[in-house]
Amino acid sequence: MTTNRKWEKEKKAVKAVQIAFDVGDEVNRQIRLEALEQGINPPDRIRQILGLPVNSKPVRPRLSISLSDDDFVILASKFGVTLDDRLKIRQLAAETLIAHLDADESE
């Protein structure tokens, strides 16, 4: 991709406006469930409902969380690793999530 084409895409992205909808808990929950059932993210489900184009490029399924420095301190202590080994903390956190689901399924 040429630099000019890439820059044009960046300019379009900068012009995009994020809109938050305050539609109540039940509508929010239902849209999230529909998105989950369709294997898409909630913003794409909203775009479908509104008749807007949806990026057909598949999204890598992942969970995300924002961690503060204090959160890393807590997790490092919990997992018994050094605070500066954030990659190991991330790996052990992912393993904890997987183990949580495995435990739920065995009950």
PDB file of N, CA and C in Angstrom:
ATOM      1  N   MET A   1       0.856  -1.173   0.000  1.00  0.00           N
ATOM      2  CA  MET A   1       0.000   0.000   0.000  1.00  0.00           C
ATOM      3  C   MET A   1       0.899   1.231   0.000  1.00  0.00           C
ATOM      4  N   THR A   2       0.577   2.170  -0.822  1.00  0.00           N
ATOM      5  CA  THR A   2       1.396   3.377  -0.891  1.00  0.00           C
ATOM      6  C   THR A   2       1.166   4.233   0.347  1.00  0.00           C
ATOM      7  N   THR A   3       2.114   5.101   0.593  1.00  0.00           N
ATOM      8  CA  THR A   3       2.018   5.979   1.760  1.00  0.00           C
ATOM      9  C   THR A   3       0.800   6.883   1.667  1.00  0.00           C
ATOM     10  N   ASN A   4       0.512   7.400   0.456  1.00  0.00           N
ATOM     11  CA  ASN A   4      -0.650   8.283   0.286  1.00  0.00           C
ATOM     12  C   ASN A   4      -1.954   7.555   0.575  1.00  0.00           C
ATOM     13  N   ARG A   5      -2.088   6.322   0.074  1.00  0.00           N
ATOM     14  CA  ARG A   5      -3.325   5.566   0.318  1.00  0.00           C
ATOM     15  C   ARG A   5      -3.481   5.258   1.804  1.00  0.00           C
ATOM     16  N   LYS A   6      -2.363   4.912   2.433  1.00  0.00           N
ATOM     17  CA  LYS A   6      -2.419   4.626   3.864  1.00  0.00           C
ATOM     18  C   LYS A   6      -2.826   5.881   4.631  1.00  0.00           C
ATOM     19  N   TRP A   7      -2.255   7.030   4.258  1.00  0.00           N
ATOM     20  CA  TRP A   7      -2.587   8.279   4.925  1.00  0.00           C
ATOM     21  C   TRP A   7      -4.062   8.628   4.737  1.00  0.00           C
ATOM     22  N   GLU A   8      -4.607   8.393   3.545  1.00  0.00           N
ATOM     23  CA  GLU A   8      -6.025   8.666   3.296  1.00  0.00           C
ATOM     24  C   GLU A   8      -6.899   7.817   4.217  1.00  0.00           C
ATOM     25  N   LYS A   9      -6.535   6.547   4.397  1.00  0.00           N
ATOM     26  CA  LYS A   9      -7.297   5.683   5.303  1.00  0.00           C
ATOM     27  C   LYS A   9      -7.208   6.200   6.734  1.00  0.00           C
ATOM     28  N   GLU A  10      -6.032   6.673   7.132  1.00  0.00           N
ATOM     29  CA  GLU A  10      -5.854   7.225   8.472  1.00  0.00           C
ATOM     30  C   GLU A  10      -6.717   8.473   8.656  1.00  0.00           C
ATOM     31  N   LYS A  11      -6.766   9.321   7.644  1.00  0.00           N
ATOM     32  CA  LYS A  11      -7.579  10.534   7.730  1.00  0.00           C
ATOM     33  C   LYS A  11      -9.053  10.179   7.886  1.00  0.00           C
ATOM     34  N   LYS A  12      -9.515   9.156   7.169  1.00  0.00           N
ATOM     35  CA  LYS A  12     -10.907   8.725   7.316  1.00  0.00           C
ATOM     36  C   LYS A  12     -11.166   8.231   8.732  1.00  0.00           C
ATOM     37  N   ALA A  13     -10.224   7.478   9.272  1.00  0.00           N
ATOM     38  CA  ALA A  13     -10.388   6.954  10.625  1.00  0.00           C
ATOM     39  C   ALA A  13     -10.461   8.084  11.647  1.00  0.00           C
ATOM     40  N   VAL A  14      -9.672   9.117  11.448  1.00  0.00           N
ATOM     41  CA  VAL A  14      -9.677  10.256  12.361  1.00  0.00           C
ATOM     42  C   VAL A  14     -11.014  10.979  12.297  1.00  0.00           C
ATOM     43  N   LYS A  15     -11.634  11.003  11.133  1.00  0.00           N
ATOM     44  CA  LYS A  15     -12.911  11.690  10.968  1.00  0.00           C
ATOM     45  C   LYS A  15     -14.078  10.910  11.568  1.00  0.00           C
ATOM     46  N   ALA A  16     -13.908   9.626  11.839  1.00  0.00           N
ATOM     47  CA  ALA A  16     -14.988   8.821  12.404  1.00  0.00           C
ATOM     48  C   ALA A  16     -15.347   9.345  13.788  1.00  0.00           C
ATOM     49  N   VAL A  17     -16.625   9.288  14.115  1.00  0.00           N
ATOM     50  CA  VAL A  17     -17.116   9.764  15.397  1.00  0.00           C
ATOM     51  C   VAL A  17     -17.702   8.583  16.154  1.00  0.00           C
ATOM     52  N   GLN A  18     -17.239   8.387  17.373  1.00  0.00           N
ATOM     53  CA  GLN A  18     -17.793   7.309  18.184  1.00  0.00           C
ATOM     54  C   GLN A  18     -19.059   7.804  18.867  1.00  0.00           C
ATOM     55  N   ILE A  19     -20.094   6.987  18.800  1.00  0.00           N
ATOM     56  CA  ILE A  19     -21.376   7.334  19.399  1.00  0.00           C
ATOM     57  C   ILE A  19     -21.736   6.257  20.406  1.00  0.00           C
ATOM     58  N   ALA A  20     -22.126   6.665  21.597  1.00  0.00           N
ATOM     59  CA  ALA A  20     -22.581   5.733  22.626  1.00  0.00           C
ATOM     60  C   ALA A  20     -24.101   5.845  22.719  1.00  0.00           C
ATOM     61  N   PHE A  21     -24.760   4.706  22.769  1.00  0.00           N
ATOM     62  CA  PHE A  21     -26.215   4.679  22.865  1.00  0.00           C
ATOM     63  C   PHE A  21     -26.621   4.313  24.286  1.00  0.00           C
ATOM     64  N   ASP A  22     -27.454   5.127  24.908  1.00  0.00           N
ATOM     65  CA  ASP A  22     -27.997   4.822  26.228  1.00  0.00           C
ATOM     66  C   ASP A  22     -29.402   4.275  26.007  1.00  0.00           C
ATOM     67  N   VAL A  23     -29.479   2.965  25.790  1.00  0.00           N
ATOM     68  CA  VAL A  23     -30.747   2.336  25.411  1.00  0.00           C
ATOM     69  C   VAL A  23     -31.302   1.424  26.495  1.00  0.00           C
ATOM     70  N   GLY A  24     -30.667   1.397  27.630  1.00  0.00           N
ATOM     71  CA  GLY A  24     -31.150   0.574  28.725  1.00  0.00           C
ATOM     72  C   GLY A  24     -30.469  -0.785  28.765  1.00  0.00           C
ATOM     73  N   ASP A  25     -30.509  -1.376  29.935  1.00  0.00           N
ATOM     74  CA  ASP A  25     -29.812  -2.643  30.168  1.00  0.00           C
ATOM     75  C   ASP A  25     -30.310  -3.784  29.289  1.00  0.00           C
ATOM     76  N   GLU A  26     -31.615  -3.898  29.132  1.00  0.00           N
ATOM     77  CA  GLU A  26     -32.159  -5.042  28.384  1.00  0.00           C
ATOM     78  C   GLU A  26     -31.795  -4.970  26.904  1.00  0.00           C
ATOM     79  N   VAL A  27     -31.913  -3.807  26.289  1.00  0.00           N
ATOM     80  CA  VAL A  27     -31.549  -3.658  24.878  1.00  0.00           C
ATOM     81  C   VAL A  27     -30.051  -3.907  24.706  1.00  0.00           C
ATOM     82  N   ASN A  28     -29.249  -3.342  25.596  1.00  0.00           N
ATOM     83  CA  ASN A  28     -27.801  -3.538  25.565  1.00  0.00           C
ATOM     84  C   ASN A  28     -27.466  -5.030  25.651  1.00  0.00           C
ATOM     85  N   ARG A  29     -28.086  -5.713  26.588  1.00  0.00           N
ATOM     86  CA  ARG A  29     -27.849  -7.148  26.782  1.00  0.00           C
ATOM     87  C   ARG A  29     -28.271  -7.944  25.554  1.00  0.00           C
ATOM     88  N   GLN A  30     -29.423  -7.629  25.004  1.00  0.00           N
ATOM     89  CA  GLN A  30     -29.935  -8.372  23.854  1.00  0.00           C
ATOM     90  C   GLN A  30     -29.037  -8.197  22.630  1.00  0.00           C
ATOM     91  N   ILE A  31     -28.579  -6.987  22.383  1.00  0.00           N
ATOM     92  CA  ILE A  31     -27.695  -6.746  21.233  1.00  0.00           C
ATOM     93  C   ILE A  31     -26.379  -7.492  21.421  1.00  0.00           C
ATOM     94  N   ARG A  32     -25.852  -7.491  22.639  1.00  0.00           N
ATOM     95  CA  ARG A  32     -24.615  -8.237  22.910  1.00  0.00           C
ATOM     96  C   ARG A  32     -24.817  -9.737  22.694  1.00  0.00           C
ATOM     97  N   LEU A  33     -25.960 -10.259  23.139  1.00  0.00           N
ATOM     98  CA  LEU A  33     -26.249 -11.685  22.942  1.00  0.00           C
ATOM     99  C   LEU A  33     -26.384 -12.026  21.460  1.00  0.00           C
ATOM    100  N   GLU A  34     -27.089 -11.178  20.711  1.00  0.00           N
ATOM    101  CA  GLU A  34     -27.229 -11.406  19.269  1.00  0.00           C
ATOM    102  C   GLU A  34     -25.862 -11.403  18.588  1.00  0.00           C
ATOM    103  N   ALA A  35     -25.020 -10.466  18.974  1.00  0.00           N
ATOM    104  CA  ALA A  35     -23.674 -10.395  18.394  1.00  0.00           C
ATOM    105  C   ALA A  35     -22.893 -11.659  18.722  1.00  0.00           C
ATOM    106  N   LEU A  36     -22.975 -12.092  19.956  1.00  0.00           N
ATOM    107  CA  LEU A  36     -22.275 -13.307  20.372  1.00  0.00           C
ATOM    108  C   LEU A  36     -22.765 -14.515  19.581  1.00  0.00           C
ATOM    109  N   GLU A  37     -24.072 -14.636  19.430  1.00  0.00           N
ATOM    110  CA  GLU A  37     -24.644 -15.759  18.682  1.00  0.00           C
ATOM    111  C   GLU A  37     -24.217 -15.745  17.219  1.00  0.00           C
ATOM    112  N   GLN A  38     -23.996 -14.555  16.661  1.00  0.00           N
ATOM    113  CA  GLN A  38     -23.584 -14.433  15.260  1.00  0.00           C
ATOM    114  C   GLN A  38     -22.066 -14.443  15.092  1.00  0.00           C
ATOM    115  N   GLY A  39     -21.345 -14.477  16.208  1.00  0.00           N
ATOM    116  CA  GLY A  39     -19.891 -14.491  16.139  1.00  0.00           C
ATOM    117  C   GLY A  39     -19.288 -13.177  15.675  1.00  0.00           C
ATOM    118  N   ILE A  40     -19.972 -12.092  15.990  1.00  0.00           N
ATOM    119  CA  ILE A  40     -19.466 -10.767  15.619  1.00  0.00           C
ATOM    120  C   ILE A  40     -19.384  -9.908  16.875  1.00  0.00           C
ATOM    121  N   ASN A  41     -18.779  -8.742  16.749  1.00  0.00           N
ATOM    122  CA  ASN A  41     -18.708  -7.868  17.919  1.00  0.00           C
ATOM    123  C   ASN A  41     -19.952  -6.968  17.971  1.00  0.00           C
ATOM    124  N   PRO A  42     -20.299  -6.459  19.160  1.00  0.00           N
ATOM    125  CA  PRO A  42     -21.506  -5.639  19.288  1.00  0.00           C
ATOM    126  C   PRO A  42     -21.563  -4.436  18.347  1.00  0.00           C
ATOM    127  N   PRO A  43     -20.459  -3.710  18.113  1.00  0.00           N
ATOM    128  CA  PRO A  43     -20.567  -2.597  17.161  1.00  0.00           C
ATOM    129  C   PRO A  43     -20.974  -3.055  15.754  1.00  0.00           C
ATOM    130  N   ASP A  44     -20.485  -4.223  15.311  1.00  0.00           N
ATOM    131  CA  ASP A  44     -20.900  -4.728  14.000  1.00  0.00           C
ATOM    132  C   ASP A  44     -22.377  -5.099  14.002  1.00  0.00           C
ATOM    133  N   ARG A  45     -22.888  -5.636  15.112  1.00  0.00           N
ATOM    134  CA  ARG A  45     -24.315  -5.963  15.199  1.00  0.00           C
ATOM    135  C   ARG A  45     -25.144  -4.681  15.124  1.00  0.00           C
ATOM    136  N   ILE A  46     -24.697  -3.638  15.798  1.00  0.00           N
ATOM    137  CA  ILE A  46     -25.399  -2.354  15.741  1.00  0.00           C
ATOM    138  C   ILE A  46     -25.400  -1.833  14.308  1.00  0.00           C
ATOM    139  N   ARG A  47     -24.267  -1.939  13.618  1.00  0.00           N
ATOM    140  CA  ARG A  47     -24.186  -1.493  12.218  1.00  0.00           C
ATOM    141  C   ARG A  47     -25.175  -2.286  11.357  1.00  0.00           C
ATOM    142  N   GLN A  48     -25.292  -3.600  11.597  1.00  0.00           N
ATOM    143  CA  GLN A  48     -26.259  -4.416  10.848  1.00  0.00           C
ATOM    144  C   GLN A  48     -27.678  -3.910  11.083  1.00  0.00           C
ATOM    145  N   ILE A  49     -28.023  -3.710  12.342  1.00  0.00           N
ATOM    146  CA  ILE A  49     -29.376  -3.270  12.696  1.00  0.00           C
ATOM    147  C   ILE A  49     -29.698  -1.929  12.044  1.00  0.00           C
ATOM    148  N   LEU A  50     -28.708  -1.038  11.998  1.00  0.00           N
ATOM    149  CA  LEU A  50     -28.916   0.290  11.416  1.00  0.00           C
ATOM    150  C   LEU A  50     -28.791   0.304   9.900  1.00  0.00           C
ATOM    151  N   GLY A  51     -28.462  -0.843   9.298  1.00  0.00           N
ATOM    152  CA  GLY A  51     -28.338  -0.919   7.849  1.00  0.00           C
ATOM    153  C   GLY A  51     -27.067  -0.286   7.315  1.00  0.00           C
ATOM    154  N   LEU A  52     -26.047  -0.218   8.146  1.00  0.00           N
ATOM    155  CA  LEU A  52     -24.758   0.349   7.732  1.00  0.00           C
ATOM    156  C   LEU A  52     -23.828  -0.762   7.261  1.00  0.00           C
ATOM    157  N   PRO A  53     -22.848  -0.433   6.428  1.00  0.00           N
ATOM    158  CA  PRO A  53     -21.898  -1.459   5.988  1.00  0.00           C
ATOM    159  C   PRO A  53     -21.100  -1.994   7.177  1.00  0.00           C
ATOM    160  N   VAL A  54     -20.804  -3.286   7.101  1.00  0.00           N
ATOM    161  CA  VAL A  54     -20.029  -3.961   8.145  1.00  0.00           C
ATOM    162  C   VAL A  54     -18.744  -4.458   7.515  1.00  0.00           C
ATOM    163  N   ASN A  55     -17.640  -4.223   8.180  1.00  0.00           N
ATOM    164  CA  ASN A  55     -16.351  -4.707   7.702  1.00  0.00           C
ATOM    165  C   ASN A  55     -16.392  -6.231   7.671  1.00  0.00           C
ATOM    166  N   SER A  56     -16.198  -6.802   6.494  1.00  0.00           N
ATOM    167  CA  SER A  56     -16.306  -8.256   6.360  1.00  0.00           C
ATOM    168  C   SER A  56     -15.043  -8.976   6.798  1.00  0.00           C
ATOM    169  N   LYS A  57     -13.985  -8.220   7.073  1.00  0.00           N
ATOM    170  CA  LYS A  57     -12.748  -8.839   7.529  1.00  0.00           C
ATOM    171  C   LYS A  57     -12.991  -9.448   8.906  1.00  0.00           C
ATOM    172  N   PRO A  58     -12.704 -10.739   9.076  1.00  0.00           N
ATOM    173  CA  PRO A  58     -12.970 -11.352  10.380  1.00  0.00           C
ATOM    174  C   PRO A  58     -12.111 -10.726  11.478  1.00  0.00           C
ATOM    175  N   VAL A  59     -12.726 -10.586  12.622  1.00  0.00           N
ATOM    176  CA  VAL A  59     -12.042 -10.025  13.773  1.00  0.00           C
ATOM    177  C   VAL A  59     -11.465 -11.175  14.588  1.00  0.00           C
ATOM    178  N   ARG A  60     -10.223 -11.010  15.019  1.00  0.00           N
ATOM    179  CA  ARG A  60      -9.616 -12.051  15.843  1.00  0.00           C
ATOM    180  C   ARG A  60     -10.356 -12.093  17.172  1.00  0.00           C
ATOM    181  N   PRO A  61     -10.931 -13.246  17.497  1.00  0.00           N
ATOM    182  CA  PRO A  61     -11.683 -13.318  18.751  1.00  0.00           C
ATOM    183  C   PRO A  61     -10.746 -13.250  19.950  1.00  0.00           C
ATOM    184  N   ARG A  62     -10.949 -12.273  20.771  1.00  0.00           N
ATOM    185  CA  ARG A  62     -10.123 -12.145  21.965  1.00  0.00           C
ATOM    186  C   ARG A  62     -10.888 -11.368  23.015  1.00  0.00           C
ATOM    187  N   LEU A  63     -10.485 -11.554  24.224  1.00  0.00           N
ATOM    188  CA  LEU A  63     -11.023 -10.791  25.336  1.00  0.00           C
ATOM    189  C   LEU A  63      -9.983  -9.758  25.721  1.00  0.00           C
ATOM    190  N   SER A  64     -10.432  -8.620  26.170  1.00  0.00           N
ATOM    191  CA  SER A  64      -9.463  -7.604  26.574  1.00  0.00           C
ATOM    192  C   SER A  64      -9.869  -6.988  27.905  1.00  0.00           C
ATOM    193  N   ILE A  65      -8.879  -6.462  28.569  1.00  0.00           N
ATOM    194  CA  ILE A  65      -9.078  -5.806  29.856  1.00  0.00           C
ATOM    195  C   ILE A  65      -7.987  -4.749  29.984  1.00  0.00           C
ATOM    196  N   SER A  66      -8.292  -3.658  30.629  1.00  0.00           N
ATOM    197  CA  SER A  66      -7.278  -2.642  30.916  1.00  0.00           C
ATOM    198  C   SER A  66      -6.757  -2.878  32.324  1.00  0.00           C
ATOM    199  N   LEU A  67      -5.441  -2.969  32.452  1.00  0.00           N
ATOM    200  CA  LEU A  67      -4.833  -3.211  33.757  1.00  0.00           C
ATOM    201  C   LEU A  67      -4.004  -2.004  34.176  1.00  0.00           C
ATOM    202  N   SER A  68      -4.206  -1.565  35.396  1.00  0.00           N
ATOM    203  CA  SER A  68      -3.406  -0.474  35.958  1.00  0.00           C
ATOM    204  C   SER A  68      -2.120  -1.059  36.530  1.00  0.00           C
ATOM    205  N   ASP A  69      -1.213  -0.196  36.908  1.00  0.00           N
ATOM    206  CA  ASP A  69       0.009  -0.664  37.563  1.00  0.00           C
ATOM    207  C   ASP A  69      -0.328  -1.440  38.836  1.00  0.00           C
ATOM    208  N   ASP A  70      -1.337  -0.970  39.578  1.00  0.00           N
ATOM    209  CA  ASP A  70      -1.758  -1.676  40.793  1.00  0.00           C
ATOM    210  C   ASP A  70      -2.288  -3.071  40.468  1.00  0.00           C
ATOM    211  N   ASP A  71      -3.013  -3.191  39.357  1.00  0.00           N
ATOM    212  CA  ASP A  71      -3.514  -4.502  38.943  1.00  0.00           C
ATOM    213  C   ASP A  71      -2.360  -5.461  38.676  1.00  0.00           C
ATOM    214  N   PHE A  72      -1.309  -4.962  38.022  1.00  0.00           N
ATOM    215  CA  PHE A  72      -0.147  -5.809  37.756  1.00  0.00           C
ATOM    216  C   PHE A  72       0.527  -6.240  39.053  1.00  0.00           C
ATOM    217  N   VAL A  73       0.563  -5.357  40.048  1.00  0.00           N
ATOM    218  CA  VAL A  73       1.139  -5.716  41.349  1.00  0.00           C
ATOM    219  C   VAL A  73       0.340  -6.865  41.967  1.00  0.00           C
ATOM    220  N   ILE A  74      -0.977  -6.746  41.937  1.00  0.00           N
ATOM    221  CA  ILE A  74      -1.843  -7.784  42.498  1.00  0.00           C
ATOM    222  C   ILE A  74      -1.642  -9.108  41.769  1.00  0.00           C
ATOM    223  N   LEU A  75      -1.642  -9.063  40.434  1.00  0.00           N
ATOM    224  CA  LEU A  75      -1.506 -10.299  39.660  1.00  0.00           C
ATOM    225  C   LEU A  75      -0.123 -10.919  39.815  1.00  0.00           C
ATOM    226  N   ALA A  76       0.915 -10.106  39.855  1.00  0.00           N
ATOM    227  CA  ALA A  76       2.268 -10.640  40.047  1.00  0.00           C
ATOM    228  C   ALA A  76       2.349 -11.377  41.377  1.00  0.00           C
ATOM    229  N   SER A  77       1.760 -10.798  42.404  1.00  0.00           N
ATOM    230  CA  SER A  77       1.747 -11.438  43.721  1.00  0.00           C
ATOM    231  C   SER A  77       0.925 -12.726  43.687  1.00  0.00           C
ATOM    232  N   LYS A  78      -0.237 -12.660  43.072  1.00  0.00           N
ATOM    233  CA  LYS A  78      -1.118 -13.827  42.985  1.00  0.00           C
ATOM    234  C   LYS A  78      -0.442 -14.985  42.258  1.00  0.00           C
ATOM    235  N   PHE A  79       0.273 -14.684  41.172  1.00  0.00           N
ATOM    236  CA  PHE A  79       0.892 -15.725  40.353  1.00  0.00           C
ATOM    237  C   PHE A  79       2.316 -16.058  40.790  1.00  0.00           C
ATOM    238  N   GLY A  80       2.855 -15.307  41.751  1.00  0.00           N
ATOM    239  CA  GLY A  80       4.199 -15.580  42.239  1.00  0.00           C
ATOM    240  C   GLY A  80       5.292 -15.319  41.218  1.00  0.00           C
ATOM    241  N   VAL A  81       5.123 -14.259  40.437  1.00  0.00           N
ATOM    242  CA  VAL A  81       6.141 -13.892  39.444  1.00  0.00           C
ATOM    243  C   VAL A  81       6.593 -12.460  39.710  1.00  0.00           C
ATOM    244  N   THR A  82       7.699 -12.083  39.082  1.00  0.00           N
ATOM    245  CA  THR A  82       8.190 -10.722  39.273  1.00  0.00           C
ATOM    246  C   THR A  82       7.301  -9.732  38.531  1.00  0.00           C
ATOM    247  N   LEU A  83       7.212  -8.555  39.079  1.00  0.00           N
ATOM    248  CA  LEU A  83       6.349  -7.515  38.521  1.00  0.00           C
ATOM    249  C   LEU A  83       6.740  -7.134  37.103  1.00  0.00           C
ATOM    250  N   ASP A  84       8.024  -7.207  36.782  1.00  0.00           N
ATOM    251  CA  ASP A  84       8.467  -6.790  35.450  1.00  0.00           C
ATOM    252  C   ASP A  84       8.233  -7.845  34.373  1.00  0.00           C
ATOM    253  N   ASP A  85       7.779  -9.030  34.750  1.00  0.00           N
ATOM    254  CA  ASP A  85       7.523 -10.092  33.766  1.00  0.00           C
ATOM    255  C   ASP A  85       6.053 -10.046  33.338  1.00  0.00           C
ATOM    256  N   ARG A  86       5.690  -8.970  32.650  1.00  0.00           N
ATOM    257  CA  ARG A  86       4.287  -8.763  32.266  1.00  0.00           C
ATOM    258  C   ARG A  86       3.789  -9.807  31.272  1.00  0.00           C
ATOM    259  N   LEU A  87       4.674 -10.319  30.437  1.00  0.00           N
ATOM    260  CA  LEU A  87       4.270 -11.363  29.500  1.00  0.00           C
ATOM    261  C   LEU A  87       3.841 -12.618  30.254  1.00  0.00           C
ATOM    262  N   LYS A  88       4.586 -12.988  31.285  1.00  0.00           N
ATOM    263  CA  LYS A  88       4.238 -14.158  32.096  1.00  0.00           C
ATOM    264  C   LYS A  88       2.930 -13.907  32.837  1.00  0.00           C
ATOM    265  N   ILE A  89       2.757 -12.695  33.352  1.00  0.00           N
ATOM    266  CA  ILE A  89       1.502 -12.350  34.034  1.00  0.00           C
ATOM    267  C   ILE A  89       0.334 -12.505  33.070  1.00  0.00           C
ATOM    268  N   ARG A  90       0.502 -12.024  31.855  1.00  0.00           N
ATOM    269  CA  ARG A  90      -0.553 -12.139  30.836  1.00  0.00           C
ATOM    270  C   ARG A  90      -0.852 -13.605  30.530  1.00  0.00           C
ATOM    271  N   GLN A  91       0.194 -14.407  30.385  1.00  0.00           N
ATOM    272  CA  GLN A  91       0.024 -15.831  30.093  1.00  0.00           C
ATOM    273  C   GLN A  91      -0.715 -16.530  31.235  1.00  0.00           C
ATOM    274  N   LEU A  92      -0.309 -16.258  32.465  1.00  0.00           N
ATOM    275  CA  LEU A  92      -0.948 -16.902  33.611  1.00  0.00           C
ATOM    276  C   LEU A  92      -2.389 -16.424  33.790  1.00  0.00           C
ATOM    277  N   ALA A  93      -2.660 -15.174  33.463  1.00  0.00           N
ATOM    278  CA  ALA A  93      -4.032 -14.671  33.523  1.00  0.00           C
ATOM    279  C   ALA A  93      -4.905 -15.401  32.503  1.00  0.00           C
ATOM    280  N   ALA A  94      -4.385 -15.610  31.290  1.00  0.00           N
ATOM    281  CA  ALA A  94      -5.131 -16.345  30.260  1.00  0.00           C
ATOM    282  C   ALA A  94      -5.387 -17.776  30.716  1.00  0.00           C
ATOM    283  N   GLU A  95      -4.386 -18.408  31.308  1.00  0.00           N
ATOM    284  CA  GLU A  95      -4.558 -19.775  31.810  1.00  0.00           C
ATOM    285  C   GLU A  95      -5.605 -19.824  32.917  1.00  0.00           C
ATOM    286  N   THR A  96      -5.659 -18.786  33.743  1.00  0.00           N
ATOM    287  CA  THR A  96      -6.666 -18.710  34.803  1.00  0.00           C
ATOM    288  C   THR A  96      -8.070 -18.625  34.215  1.00  0.00           C
ATOM    289  N   LEU A  97      -8.233 -17.838  33.147  1.00  0.00           N
ATOM    290  CA  LEU A  97      -9.543 -17.738  32.491  1.00  0.00           C
ATOM    291  C   LEU A  97      -9.971 -19.086  31.924  1.00  0.00           C
ATOM    292  N   ILE A  98      -9.043 -19.773  31.273  1.00  0.00           N
ATOM    293  CA  ILE A  98      -9.346 -21.087  30.689  1.00  0.00           C
ATOM    294  C   ILE A  98      -9.698 -22.082  31.786  1.00  0.00           C
ATOM    295  N   ALA A  99      -8.922 -22.086  32.871  1.00  0.00           N
ATOM    296  CA  ALA A  99      -9.185 -22.999  33.988  1.00  0.00           C
ATOM    297  C   ALA A  99     -10.545 -22.707  34.618  1.00  0.00           C
ATOM    298  N   HIS A 100     -10.916 -21.441  34.669  1.00  0.00           N
ATOM    299  CA  HIS A 100     -12.221 -21.056  35.211  1.00  0.00           C
ATOM    300  C   HIS A 100     -13.345 -21.718  34.413  1.00  0.00           C
ATOM    301  N   LEU A 101     -13.240 -21.692  33.088  1.00  0.00           N
ATOM    302  CA  LEU A 101     -14.271 -22.308  32.249  1.00  0.00           C
ATOM    303  C   LEU A 101     -14.238 -23.820  32.362  1.00  0.00           C
ATOM    304  N   ASP A 102     -13.044 -24.401  32.426  1.00  0.00           N
ATOM    305  CA  ASP A 102     -12.930 -25.851  32.591  1.00  0.00           C
ATOM    306  C   ASP A 102     -13.582 -26.295  33.889  1.00  0.00           C
ATOM    307  N   ALA A 103     -13.409 -25.513  34.961  1.00  0.00           N
ATOM    308  CA  ALA A 103     -14.009 -25.837  36.259  1.00  0.00           C
ATOM    309  C   ALA A 103     -15.526 -25.742  36.182  1.00  0.00           C
ATOM    310  N   ASP A 104     -16.049 -24.730  35.483  1.00  0.00           N
ATOM    311  CA  ASP A 104     -17.500 -24.577  35.333  1.00  0.00           C
ATOM    312  C   ASP A 104     -18.107 -25.737  34.565  1.00  0.00           C
ATOM    313  N   GLU A 105     -17.409 -26.217  33.537  1.00  0.00           N
ATOM    314  CA  GLU A 105     -17.933 -27.306  32.714  1.00  0.00           C
ATOM    315  C   GLU A 105     -17.951 -28.629  33.462  1.00  0.00           C
ATOM    316  N   SER A 106     -17.040 -28.812  34.413  1.00  0.00           N
ATOM    317  CA  SER A 106     -16.973 -30.085  35.123  1.00  0.00           C
ATOM    318  C   SER A 106     -17.978 -30.164  36.261  1.00  0.00           C
ATOM    319  N   GLU A 107     -18.600 -29.054  36.600  1.00  0.00           N
ATOM    320  CA  GLU A 107     -19.588 -29.052  37.695  1.00  0.00           C
ATOM    321  C   GLU A 107     -20.932 -29.528  37.237  1.00  0.00           C
TER     322      GLU A 107
END
